Full PDB file with SEQRES, HELIX, SHEET, SSBOND, CRYST1, ORIGX, SCALE, CONECT and MASTER records, all heavy atoms in Angstrom:
SEQRES   1 A   37  ILE LEU VAL SER PHE ALA ASP VAL LEU SER ILE LEU ALA          
SEQRES   2 A   37  LEU LEU TYR SER LEU ALA GLY ILE ILE PRO GLY LEU ALA          
SEQRES   3 A   37  LEU SER ILE ARG ARG LEU HIS ASP ILE ASN LYS                  
HELIX    1 AA1 LEU A    2  PHE A    5  1                                   4    
HELIX    2 AA2 ASP A    7  LEU A    9  5                                   3    
HELIX    3 AA3 SER A   10  ALA A   19  1                                  10    
HELIX    4 AA4 ILE A   21  ASP A   34  1                                  14    
CRYST1    1.000    1.000    1.000  90.00  90.00  90.00 P 1           1          
ORIGX1      1.000000  0.000000  0.000000        0.00000                         
ORIGX2      0.000000  1.000000  0.000000        0.00000                         
ORIGX3      0.000000  0.000000  1.000000        0.00000                         
SCALE1      1.000000  0.000000  0.000000        0.00000                         
SCALE2      0.000000  1.000000  0.000000        0.00000                         
SCALE3      0.000000  0.000000  1.000000        0.00000                         
ATOM      1  N   ILE A   1       0.620 -78.198  38.559  1.00  0.00           N  
ATOM      2  CA  ILE A   1      -0.081 -79.440  38.928  1.00  0.00           C  
ATOM      3  C   ILE A   1       0.607 -80.636  38.283  1.00  0.00           C  
ATOM      4  O   ILE A   1       0.810 -81.671  38.928  1.00  0.00           O  
ATOM      5  CB  ILE A   1      -1.567 -79.355  38.527  1.00  0.00           C  
ATOM      6  CG1 ILE A   1      -2.278 -78.322  39.405  1.00  0.00           C  
ATOM      7  CG2 ILE A   1      -2.242 -80.720  38.643  1.00  0.00           C  
ATOM      8  CD1 ILE A   1      -3.675 -77.977  38.947  1.00  0.00           C  
ATOM      9  N   LEU A   2       0.994 -80.501  37.022  1.00  0.00           N  
ATOM     10  CA  LEU A   2       1.684 -81.597  36.340  1.00  0.00           C  
ATOM     11  C   LEU A   2       3.039 -81.895  36.973  1.00  0.00           C  
ATOM     12  O   LEU A   2       3.456 -83.054  37.042  1.00  0.00           O  
ATOM     13  CB  LEU A   2       1.851 -81.283  34.857  1.00  0.00           C  
ATOM     14  CG  LEU A   2       0.565 -81.262  34.031  1.00  0.00           C  
ATOM     15  CD1 LEU A   2       0.863 -80.832  32.603  1.00  0.00           C  
ATOM     16  CD2 LEU A   2      -0.125 -82.607  34.062  1.00  0.00           C  
ATOM     17  N   VAL A   3       3.730 -80.853  37.446  1.00  0.00           N  
ATOM     18  CA  VAL A   3       5.021 -81.047  38.105  1.00  0.00           C  
ATOM     19  C   VAL A   3       4.860 -81.854  39.382  1.00  0.00           C  
ATOM     20  O   VAL A   3       5.721 -82.668  39.736  1.00  0.00           O  
ATOM     21  CB  VAL A   3       5.707 -79.688  38.378  1.00  0.00           C  
ATOM     22  CG1 VAL A   3       6.834 -79.819  39.373  1.00  0.00           C  
ATOM     23  CG2 VAL A   3       6.205 -79.081  37.089  1.00  0.00           C  
ATOM     24  N   SER A   4       3.730 -81.667  40.086  1.00  0.00           N  
ATOM     25  CA  SER A   4       3.521 -82.429  41.322  1.00  0.00           C  
ATOM     26  C   SER A   4       3.353 -83.924  41.041  1.00  0.00           C  
ATOM     27  O   SER A   4       3.625 -84.747  41.907  1.00  0.00           O  
ATOM     28  CB  SER A   4       2.318 -81.886  42.083  1.00  0.00           C  
ATOM     29  OG  SER A   4       1.117 -82.141  41.385  1.00  0.00           O  
ATOM     30  N   PHE A   5       2.926 -84.271  39.826  1.00  0.00           N  
ATOM     31  CA  PHE A   5       2.784 -85.686  39.463  1.00  0.00           C  
ATOM     32  C   PHE A   5       4.064 -86.256  38.860  1.00  0.00           C  
ATOM     33  O   PHE A   5       4.409 -87.403  39.104  1.00  0.00           O  
ATOM     34  CB  PHE A   5       1.635 -85.879  38.467  1.00  0.00           C  
ATOM     35  CG  PHE A   5       0.286 -85.625  39.064  1.00  0.00           C  
ATOM     36  CD1 PHE A   5      -0.518 -84.616  38.570  1.00  0.00           C  
ATOM     37  CD2 PHE A   5      -0.177 -86.381  40.123  1.00  0.00           C  
ATOM     38  CE1 PHE A   5      -1.766 -84.368  39.117  1.00  0.00           C  
ATOM     39  CE2 PHE A   5      -1.423 -86.150  40.679  1.00  0.00           C  
ATOM     40  CZ  PHE A   5      -2.213 -85.139  40.181  1.00  0.00           C  
ATOM     41  N   ALA A   6       4.737 -85.474  38.041  1.00  0.00           N  
ATOM     42  CA  ALA A   6       5.954 -85.935  37.383  1.00  0.00           C  
ATOM     43  C   ALA A   6       7.018 -84.854  37.513  1.00  0.00           C  
ATOM     44  O   ALA A   6       6.928 -83.800  36.875  1.00  0.00           O  
ATOM     45  CB  ALA A   6       5.679 -86.239  35.917  1.00  0.00           C  
ATOM     46  N   ASP A   7       7.996 -85.122  38.339  1.00  0.00           N  
ATOM     47  CA  ASP A   7       9.031 -84.128  38.625  1.00  0.00           C  
ATOM     48  C   ASP A   7       9.857 -83.764  37.388  1.00  0.00           C  
ATOM     49  O   ASP A   7      10.460 -82.708  37.334  1.00  0.00           O  
ATOM     50  CB  ASP A   7       9.939 -84.657  39.730  1.00  0.00           C  
ATOM     51  CG  ASP A   7      10.678 -83.563  40.445  1.00  0.00           C  
ATOM     52  OD1 ASP A   7      10.116 -82.452  40.539  1.00  0.00           O  
ATOM     53  OD2 ASP A   7      11.809 -83.807  40.903  1.00  0.00           O  
ATOM     54  N   VAL A   8       9.843 -84.619  36.398  1.00  0.00           N  
ATOM     55  CA  VAL A   8      10.591 -84.368  35.163  1.00  0.00           C  
ATOM     56  C   VAL A   8      10.052 -83.120  34.448  1.00  0.00           C  
ATOM     57  O   VAL A   8      10.792 -82.403  33.783  1.00  0.00           O  
ATOM     58  CB  VAL A   8      10.517 -85.599  34.232  1.00  0.00           C  
ATOM     59  CG1 VAL A   8      11.180 -85.340  32.904  1.00  0.00           C  
ATOM     60  CG2 VAL A   8      11.103 -86.808  34.921  1.00  0.00           C  
ATOM     61  N   LEU A   9       8.781 -82.841  34.620  1.00  0.00           N  
ATOM     62  CA  LEU A   9       8.163 -81.694  33.954  1.00  0.00           C  
ATOM     63  C   LEU A   9       8.556 -80.355  34.575  1.00  0.00           C  
ATOM     64  O   LEU A   9       8.173 -79.306  34.065  1.00  0.00           O  
ATOM     65  CB  LEU A   9       6.645 -81.843  33.959  1.00  0.00           C  
ATOM     66  CG  LEU A   9       6.100 -83.004  33.130  1.00  0.00           C  
ATOM     67  CD1 LEU A   9       4.601 -83.122  33.304  1.00  0.00           C  
ATOM     68  CD2 LEU A   9       6.463 -82.838  31.674  1.00  0.00           C  
ATOM     69  N   SER A  10       9.317 -80.378  35.657  1.00  0.00           N  
ATOM     70  CA  SER A  10       9.739 -79.124  36.273  1.00  0.00           C  
ATOM     71  C   SER A  10      10.617 -78.319  35.317  1.00  0.00           C  
ATOM     72  O   SER A  10      10.618 -77.091  35.352  1.00  0.00           O  
ATOM     73  CB  SER A  10      10.462 -79.379  37.588  1.00  0.00           C  
ATOM     74  OG  SER A  10      11.628 -80.136  37.371  1.00  0.00           O  
ATOM     75  N   ILE A  11      11.340 -78.997  34.456  1.00  0.00           N  
ATOM     76  CA  ILE A  11      12.162 -78.299  33.454  1.00  0.00           C  
ATOM     77  C   ILE A  11      11.258 -77.539  32.489  1.00  0.00           C  
ATOM     78  O   ILE A  11      11.538 -76.396  32.135  1.00  0.00           O  
ATOM     79  CB  ILE A  11      13.069 -79.295  32.703  1.00  0.00           C  
ATOM     80  CG1 ILE A  11      14.080 -79.890  33.669  1.00  0.00           C  
ATOM     81  CG2 ILE A  11      13.758 -78.636  31.520  1.00  0.00           C  
ATOM     82  CD1 ILE A  11      14.871 -81.037  33.111  1.00  0.00           C  
ATOM     83  N   LEU A  12      10.155 -78.164  32.083  1.00  0.00           N  
ATOM     84  CA  LEU A  12       9.204 -77.498  31.190  1.00  0.00           C  
ATOM     85  C   LEU A  12       8.591 -76.274  31.871  1.00  0.00           C  
ATOM     86  O   LEU A  12       8.460 -75.212  31.247  1.00  0.00           O  
ATOM     87  CB  LEU A  12       8.107 -78.484  30.766  1.00  0.00           C  
ATOM     88  CG  LEU A  12       7.034 -77.945  29.838  1.00  0.00           C  
ATOM     89  CD1 LEU A  12       7.632 -77.525  28.506  1.00  0.00           C  
ATOM     90  CD2 LEU A  12       5.952 -78.985  29.636  1.00  0.00           C  
ATOM     91  N   ALA A  13       8.242 -76.404  33.139  1.00  0.00           N  
ATOM     92  CA  ALA A  13       7.672 -75.278  33.878  1.00  0.00           C  
ATOM     93  C   ALA A  13       8.686 -74.146  34.014  1.00  0.00           C  
ATOM     94  O   ALA A  13       8.340 -72.964  33.870  1.00  0.00           O  
ATOM     95  CB  ALA A  13       7.196 -75.735  35.252  1.00  0.00           C  
ATOM     96  N   LEU A  14       9.938 -74.496  34.262  1.00  0.00           N  
ATOM     97  CA  LEU A  14      10.989 -73.484  34.371  1.00  0.00           C  
ATOM     98  C   LEU A  14      11.198 -72.771  33.039  1.00  0.00           C  
ATOM     99  O   LEU A  14      11.297 -71.544  32.989  1.00  0.00           O  
ATOM    100  CB  LEU A  14      12.293 -74.127  34.835  1.00  0.00           C  
ATOM    101  CG  LEU A  14      13.505 -73.201  34.889  1.00  0.00           C  
ATOM    102  CD1 LEU A  14      13.301 -72.139  35.960  1.00  0.00           C  
ATOM    103  CD2 LEU A  14      14.761 -73.988  35.129  1.00  0.00           C  
ATOM    104  N   LEU A  15      11.231 -73.527  31.951  1.00  0.00           N  
ATOM    105  CA  LEU A  15      11.394 -72.923  30.624  1.00  0.00           C  
ATOM    106  C   LEU A  15      10.233 -72.001  30.274  1.00  0.00           C  
ATOM    107  O   LEU A  15      10.427 -70.931  29.691  1.00  0.00           O  
ATOM    108  CB  LEU A  15      11.562 -74.014  29.561  1.00  0.00           C  
ATOM    109  CG  LEU A  15      12.870 -74.775  29.590  1.00  0.00           C  
ATOM    110  CD1 LEU A  15      12.865 -75.892  28.557  1.00  0.00           C  
ATOM    111  CD2 LEU A  15      14.043 -73.836  29.360  1.00  0.00           C  
ATOM    112  N   TYR A  16       9.021 -72.424  30.627  1.00  0.00           N  
ATOM    113  CA  TYR A  16       7.856 -71.574  30.367  1.00  0.00           C  
ATOM    114  C   TYR A  16       7.949 -70.270  31.161  1.00  0.00           C  
ATOM    115  O   TYR A  16       7.661 -69.193  30.636  1.00  0.00           O  
ATOM    116  CB  TYR A  16       6.554 -72.309  30.704  1.00  0.00           C  
ATOM    117  CG  TYR A  16       5.333 -71.469  30.451  1.00  0.00           C  
ATOM    118  CD1 TYR A  16       4.862 -71.284  29.166  1.00  0.00           C  
ATOM    119  CD2 TYR A  16       4.679 -70.833  31.492  1.00  0.00           C  
ATOM    120  CE1 TYR A  16       3.757 -70.491  28.907  1.00  0.00           C  
ATOM    121  CE2 TYR A  16       3.575 -70.041  31.255  1.00  0.00           C  
ATOM    122  CZ  TYR A  16       3.116 -69.870  29.968  1.00  0.00           C  
ATOM    123  OH  TYR A  16       2.029 -69.075  29.728  1.00  0.00           O  
ATOM    124  N   SER A  17       8.359 -70.373  32.418  1.00  0.00           N  
ATOM    125  CA  SER A  17       8.496 -69.174  33.250  1.00  0.00           C  
ATOM    126  C   SER A  17       9.547 -68.230  32.687  1.00  0.00           C  
ATOM    127  O   SER A  17       9.335 -67.014  32.634  1.00  0.00           O  
ATOM    128  CB  SER A  17       8.871 -69.557  34.678  1.00  0.00           C  
ATOM    129  OG  SER A  17       7.863 -70.316  35.265  1.00  0.00           O  
ATOM    130  N   LEU A  18      10.676 -68.768  32.276  1.00  0.00           N  
ATOM    131  CA  LEU A  18      11.734 -67.933  31.708  1.00  0.00           C  
ATOM    132  C   LEU A  18      11.316 -67.330  30.375  1.00  0.00           C  
ATOM    133  O   LEU A  18      11.617 -66.167  30.091  1.00  0.00           O  
ATOM    134  CB  LEU A  18      13.016 -68.753  31.533  1.00  0.00           C  
ATOM    135  CG  LEU A  18      13.733 -69.148  32.821  1.00  0.00           C  
ATOM    136  CD1 LEU A  18      14.912 -70.072  32.504  1.00  0.00           C  
ATOM    137  CD2 LEU A  18      14.191 -67.925  33.581  1.00  0.00           C  
ATOM    138  N   ALA A  19      10.613 -68.105  29.568  1.00  0.00           N  
ATOM    139  CA  ALA A  19      10.163 -67.605  28.267  1.00  0.00           C  
ATOM    140  C   ALA A  19       9.131 -66.503  28.413  1.00  0.00           C  
ATOM    141  O   ALA A  19       9.000 -65.652  27.528  1.00  0.00           O  
ATOM    142  CB  ALA A  19       9.590 -68.748  27.434  1.00  0.00           C  
ATOM    143  N   GLY A  20       8.396 -66.474  29.510  1.00  0.00           N  
ATOM    144  CA  GLY A  20       7.340 -65.497  29.697  1.00  0.00           C  
ATOM    145  C   GLY A  20       7.792 -64.157  30.262  1.00  0.00           C  
ATOM    146  O   GLY A  20       6.999 -63.220  30.345  1.00  0.00           O  
ATOM    147  N   ILE A  21       9.058 -64.030  30.631  1.00  0.00           N  
ATOM    148  CA  ILE A  21       9.524 -62.781  31.243  1.00  0.00           C  
ATOM    149  C   ILE A  21       9.437 -61.611  30.269  1.00  0.00           C  
ATOM    150  O   ILE A  21       8.839 -60.576  30.575  1.00  0.00           O  
ATOM    151  CB  ILE A  21      10.956 -62.943  31.788  1.00  0.00           C  
ATOM    152  CG1 ILE A  21      10.948 -63.898  32.979  1.00  0.00           C  
ATOM    153  CG2 ILE A  21      11.548 -61.595  32.193  1.00  0.00           C  
ATOM    154  CD1 ILE A  21      12.329 -64.273  33.483  1.00  0.00           C  
ATOM    155  N   ILE A  22      10.025 -61.741  29.105  1.00  0.00           N  
ATOM    156  CA  ILE A  22      10.041 -60.634  28.132  1.00  0.00           C  
ATOM    157  C   ILE A  22       8.638 -60.326  27.603  1.00  0.00           C  
ATOM    158  O   ILE A  22       8.253 -59.163  27.558  1.00  0.00           O  
ATOM    159  CB  ILE A  22      11.018 -60.934  26.981  1.00  0.00           C  
ATOM    160  CG1 ILE A  22      12.397 -61.153  27.558  1.00  0.00           C  
ATOM    161  CG2 ILE A  22      10.966 -59.862  25.908  1.00  0.00           C  
ATOM    162  CD1 ILE A  22      13.394 -60.084  27.439  1.00  0.00           C  
ATOM    163  N   PRO A  23       7.839 -61.336  27.195  1.00  0.00           N  
ATOM    164  CA  PRO A  23       6.480 -61.011  26.742  1.00  0.00           C  
ATOM    165  C   PRO A  23       5.639 -60.343  27.833  1.00  0.00           C  
ATOM    166  O   PRO A  23       4.865 -59.433  27.553  1.00  0.00           O  
ATOM    167  CB  PRO A  23       5.880 -62.364  26.357  1.00  0.00           C  
ATOM    168  CG  PRO A  23       7.037 -63.227  26.075  1.00  0.00           C  
ATOM    169  CD  PRO A  23       8.130 -62.752  26.982  1.00  0.00           C  
ATOM    170  N   GLY A  24       5.810 -60.768  29.079  1.00  0.00           N  
ATOM    171  CA  GLY A  24       5.068 -60.142  30.182  1.00  0.00           C  
ATOM    172  C   GLY A  24       5.492 -58.705  30.405  1.00  0.00           C  
ATOM    173  O   GLY A  24       4.667 -57.829  30.660  1.00  0.00           O  
ATOM    174  N   LEU A  25       6.784 -58.453  30.295  1.00  0.00           N  
ATOM    175  CA  LEU A  25       7.286 -57.089  30.443  1.00  0.00           C  
ATOM    176  C   LEU A  25       6.772 -56.203  29.303  1.00  0.00           C  
ATOM    177  O   LEU A  25       6.326 -55.072  29.534  1.00  0.00           O  
ATOM    178  CB  LEU A  25       8.814 -57.107  30.467  1.00  0.00           C  
ATOM    179  CG  LEU A  25       9.510 -55.776  30.656  1.00  0.00           C  
ATOM    180  CD1 LEU A  25       9.152 -55.177  32.006  1.00  0.00           C  
ATOM    181  CD2 LEU A  25      11.015 -55.950  30.538  1.00  0.00           C  
ATOM    182  N   ALA A  26       6.811 -56.718  28.076  1.00  0.00           N  
ATOM    183  CA  ALA A  26       6.315 -55.950  26.929  1.00  0.00           C  
ATOM    184  C   ALA A  26       4.823 -55.667  27.071  1.00  0.00           C  
ATOM    185  O   ALA A  26       4.355 -54.554  26.778  1.00  0.00           O  
ATOM    186  CB  ALA A  26       6.592 -56.704  25.632  1.00  0.00           C  
ATOM    187  N   LEU A  27       4.061 -56.650  27.532  1.00  0.00           N  
ATOM    188  CA  LEU A  27       2.626 -56.467  27.737  1.00  0.00           C  
ATOM    189  C   LEU A  27       2.364 -55.389  28.790  1.00  0.00           C  
ATOM    190  O   LEU A  27       1.495 -54.529  28.607  1.00  0.00           O  
ATOM    191  CB  LEU A  27       1.989 -57.794  28.159  1.00  0.00           C  
ATOM    192  CG  LEU A  27       0.490 -57.799  28.376  1.00  0.00           C  
ATOM    193  CD1 LEU A  27      -0.234 -57.636  27.039  1.00  0.00           C  
ATOM    194  CD2 LEU A  27       0.059 -59.083  29.056  1.00  0.00           C  
ATOM    195  N   SER A  28       3.118 -55.411  29.869  1.00  0.00           N  
ATOM    196  CA  SER A  28       2.956 -54.407  30.926  1.00  0.00           C  
ATOM    197  C   SER A  28       3.279 -53.003  30.423  1.00  0.00           C  
ATOM    198  O   SER A  28       2.567 -52.049  30.733  1.00  0.00           O  
ATOM    199  CB  SER A  28       3.860 -54.739  32.116  1.00  0.00           C  
ATOM    200  OG  SER A  28       3.510 -55.965  32.690  1.00  0.00           O  
ATOM    201  N   ILE A  29       4.327 -52.891  29.634  1.00  0.00           N  
ATOM    202  CA  ILE A  29       4.706 -51.582  29.100  1.00  0.00           C  
ATOM    203  C   ILE A  29       3.646 -51.080  28.130  1.00  0.00           C  
ATOM    204  O   ILE A  29       3.267 -49.896  28.166  1.00  0.00           O  
ATOM    205  CB  ILE A  29       6.107 -51.653  28.453  1.00  0.00           C  
ATOM    206  CG1 ILE A  29       7.148 -51.805  29.556  1.00  0.00           C  
ATOM    207  CG2 ILE A  29       6.381 -50.426  27.588  1.00  0.00           C  
ATOM    208  CD1 ILE A  29       8.552 -52.057  29.073  1.00  0.00           C  
ATOM    209  N   ARG A  30       3.118 -51.957  27.275  1.00  0.00           N  
ATOM    210  CA  ARG A  30       2.046 -51.521  26.362  1.00  0.00           C  
ATOM    211  C   ARG A  30       0.795 -51.113  27.137  1.00  0.00           C  
ATOM    212  O   ARG A  30       0.082 -50.191  26.742  1.00  0.00           O  
ATOM    213  CB  ARG A  30       1.740 -52.630  25.354  1.00  0.00           C  
ATOM    214  CG  ARG A  30       2.808 -52.823  24.315  1.00  0.00           C  
ATOM    215  CD  ARG A  30       2.352 -53.684  23.150  1.00  0.00           C  
ATOM    216  NE  ARG A  30       1.722 -54.931  23.543  1.00  0.00           N  
ATOM    217  CZ  ARG A  30       2.367 -56.082  23.713  1.00  0.00           C  
ATOM    218  NH1 ARG A  30       3.672 -56.136  23.551  1.00  0.00           N  
ATOM    219  NH2 ARG A  30       1.702 -57.171  24.054  1.00  0.00           N  
ATOM    220  N   ARG A  31       0.522 -51.787  28.263  1.00  0.00           N  
ATOM    221  CA  ARG A  31      -0.633 -51.410  29.091  1.00  0.00           C  
ATOM    222  C   ARG A  31      -0.416 -50.028  29.697  1.00  0.00           C  
ATOM    223  O   ARG A  31      -1.333 -49.218  29.758  1.00  0.00           O  
ATOM    224  CB  ARG A  31      -0.843 -52.466  30.192  1.00  0.00           C  
ATOM    225  CG  ARG A  31      -1.960 -52.150  31.128  1.00  0.00           C  
ATOM    226  CD  ARG A  31      -3.320 -52.245  30.426  1.00  0.00           C  
ATOM    227  NE  ARG A  31      -4.280 -51.490  31.193  1.00  0.00           N  
ATOM    228  CZ  ARG A  31      -4.941 -50.434  30.766  1.00  0.00           C  
ATOM    229  NH1 ARG A  31      -4.797 -50.013  29.538  1.00  0.00           N  
ATOM    230  NH2 ARG A  31      -5.771 -49.791  31.542  1.00  0.00           N  
ATOM    231  N   LEU A  32       0.794 -49.737  30.148  1.00  0.00           N  
ATOM    232  CA  LEU A  32       1.098 -48.411  30.682  1.00  0.00           C  
ATOM    233  C   LEU A  32       0.967 -47.351  29.591  1.00  0.00           C  
ATOM    234  O   LEU A  32       0.487 -46.245  29.851  1.00  0.00           O  
ATOM    235  CB  LEU A  32       2.496 -48.384  31.301  1.00  0.00           C  
ATOM    236  CG  LEU A  32       2.639 -49.135  32.619  1.00  0.00           C  
ATOM    237  CD1 LEU A  32       4.108 -49.285  32.993  1.00  0.00           C  
ATOM    238  CD2 LEU A  32       1.873 -48.432  33.723  1.00  0.00           C  
ATOM    239  N   HIS A  33       1.375 -47.675  28.385  1.00  0.00           N  
ATOM    240  CA  HIS A  33       1.213 -46.734  27.264  1.00  0.00           C  
ATOM    241  C   HIS A  33      -0.265 -46.426  27.021  1.00  0.00           C  
ATOM    242  O   HIS A  33      -0.607 -45.312  26.638  1.00  0.00           O  
ATOM    243  CB  HIS A  33       1.818 -47.310  25.983  1.00  0.00           C  
ATOM    244  CG  HIS A  33       3.309 -47.320  25.978  1.00  0.00           C  
ATOM    245  ND1 HIS A  33       4.021 -47.939  24.996  1.00  0.00           N  
ATOM    246  CD2 HIS A  33       4.226 -46.796  26.826  1.00  0.00           C  
ATOM    247  CE1 HIS A  33       5.317 -47.785  25.225  1.00  0.00           C  
ATOM    248  NE2 HIS A  33       5.456 -47.105  26.345  1.00  0.00           N  
ATOM    249  N   ASP A  34      -1.124 -47.410  27.240  1.00  0.00           N  
ATOM    250  CA  ASP A  34      -2.550 -47.220  26.996  1.00  0.00           C  
ATOM    251  C   ASP A  34      -3.170 -46.208  27.947  1.00  0.00           C  
ATOM    252  O   ASP A  34      -4.173 -45.585  27.626  1.00  0.00           O  
ATOM    253  CB  ASP A  34      -3.284 -48.562  27.112  1.00  0.00           C  
ATOM    254  CG  ASP A  34      -4.686 -48.500  26.537  1.00  0.00           C  
ATOM    255  OD1 ASP A  34      -4.840 -47.978  25.416  1.00  0.00           O  
ATOM    256  OD2 ASP A  34      -5.614 -48.973  27.209  1.00  0.00           O  
ATOM    257  N   ILE A  35      -2.583 -46.039  29.128  1.00  0.00           N  
ATOM    258  CA  ILE A  35      -3.101 -45.031  30.064  1.00  0.00           C  
ATOM    259  C   ILE A  35      -2.250 -43.764  30.023  1.00  0.00           C  
ATOM    260  O   ILE A  35      -2.301 -42.937  30.922  1.00  0.00           O  
ATOM    261  CB  ILE A  35      -3.206 -45.578  31.508  1.00  0.00           C  
ATOM    262  CG1 ILE A  35      -1.856 -46.024  32.032  1.00  0.00           C  
ATOM    263  CG2 ILE A  35      -4.242 -46.669  31.582  1.00  0.00           C  
ATOM    264  CD1 ILE A  35      -1.845 -46.320  33.511  1.00  0.00           C  
ATOM    265  N   ASN A  36      -1.439 -43.658  28.951  1.00  0.00           N  
ATOM    266  CA  ASN A  36      -0.625 -42.475  28.689  1.00  0.00           C  
ATOM    267  C   ASN A  36       0.497 -42.306  29.717  1.00  0.00           C  
ATOM    268  O   ASN A  36       0.845 -41.198  30.101  1.00  0.00           O  
ATOM    269  CB  ASN A  36      -1.489 -41.215  28.596  1.00  0.00           C  
ATOM    270  CG  ASN A  36      -0.887 -40.182  27.668  1.00  0.00           C  
ATOM    271  OD1 ASN A  36      -0.008 -40.491  26.871  1.00  0.00           O  
ATOM    272  ND2 ASN A  36      -1.360 -38.956  27.768  1.00  0.00           N  
ATOM    273  N   LYS A  37       1.052 -43.405  30.178  1.00  0.00           N  
ATOM    274  CA  LYS A  37       2.201 -43.396  31.091  1.00  0.00           C  
ATOM    275  C   LYS A  37       3.407 -43.974  30.354  1.00  0.00           C  
ATOM    276  O   LYS A  37       3.281 -44.825  29.482  1.00  0.00           O  
ATOM    277  CB  LYS A  37       1.941 -44.251  32.333  1.00  0.00           C  
ATOM    278  CG  LYS A  37       0.781 -43.819  33.172  1.00  0.00           C  
ATOM    279  CD  LYS A  37       1.227 -42.835  34.200  1.00  0.00           C  
ATOM    280  CE  LYS A  37       0.076 -42.506  35.133  1.00  0.00           C  
ATOM    281  NZ  LYS A  37       0.065 -41.135  35.513  1.00  0.00           N  
TER     282      LYS A  37                                                      
MASTER        0    0    0    4    0    0    0    6  281    1    0    3          
END                                                                             
């Protein structure tokens, strides 16, 4: 929503998306471990 108002913030949104890849993957793997997979 902020990017739609100020295009300059698209860099911040991109950085957040890139920063979230590894934590999201780790979270998914820990969730699979919880169901014994």
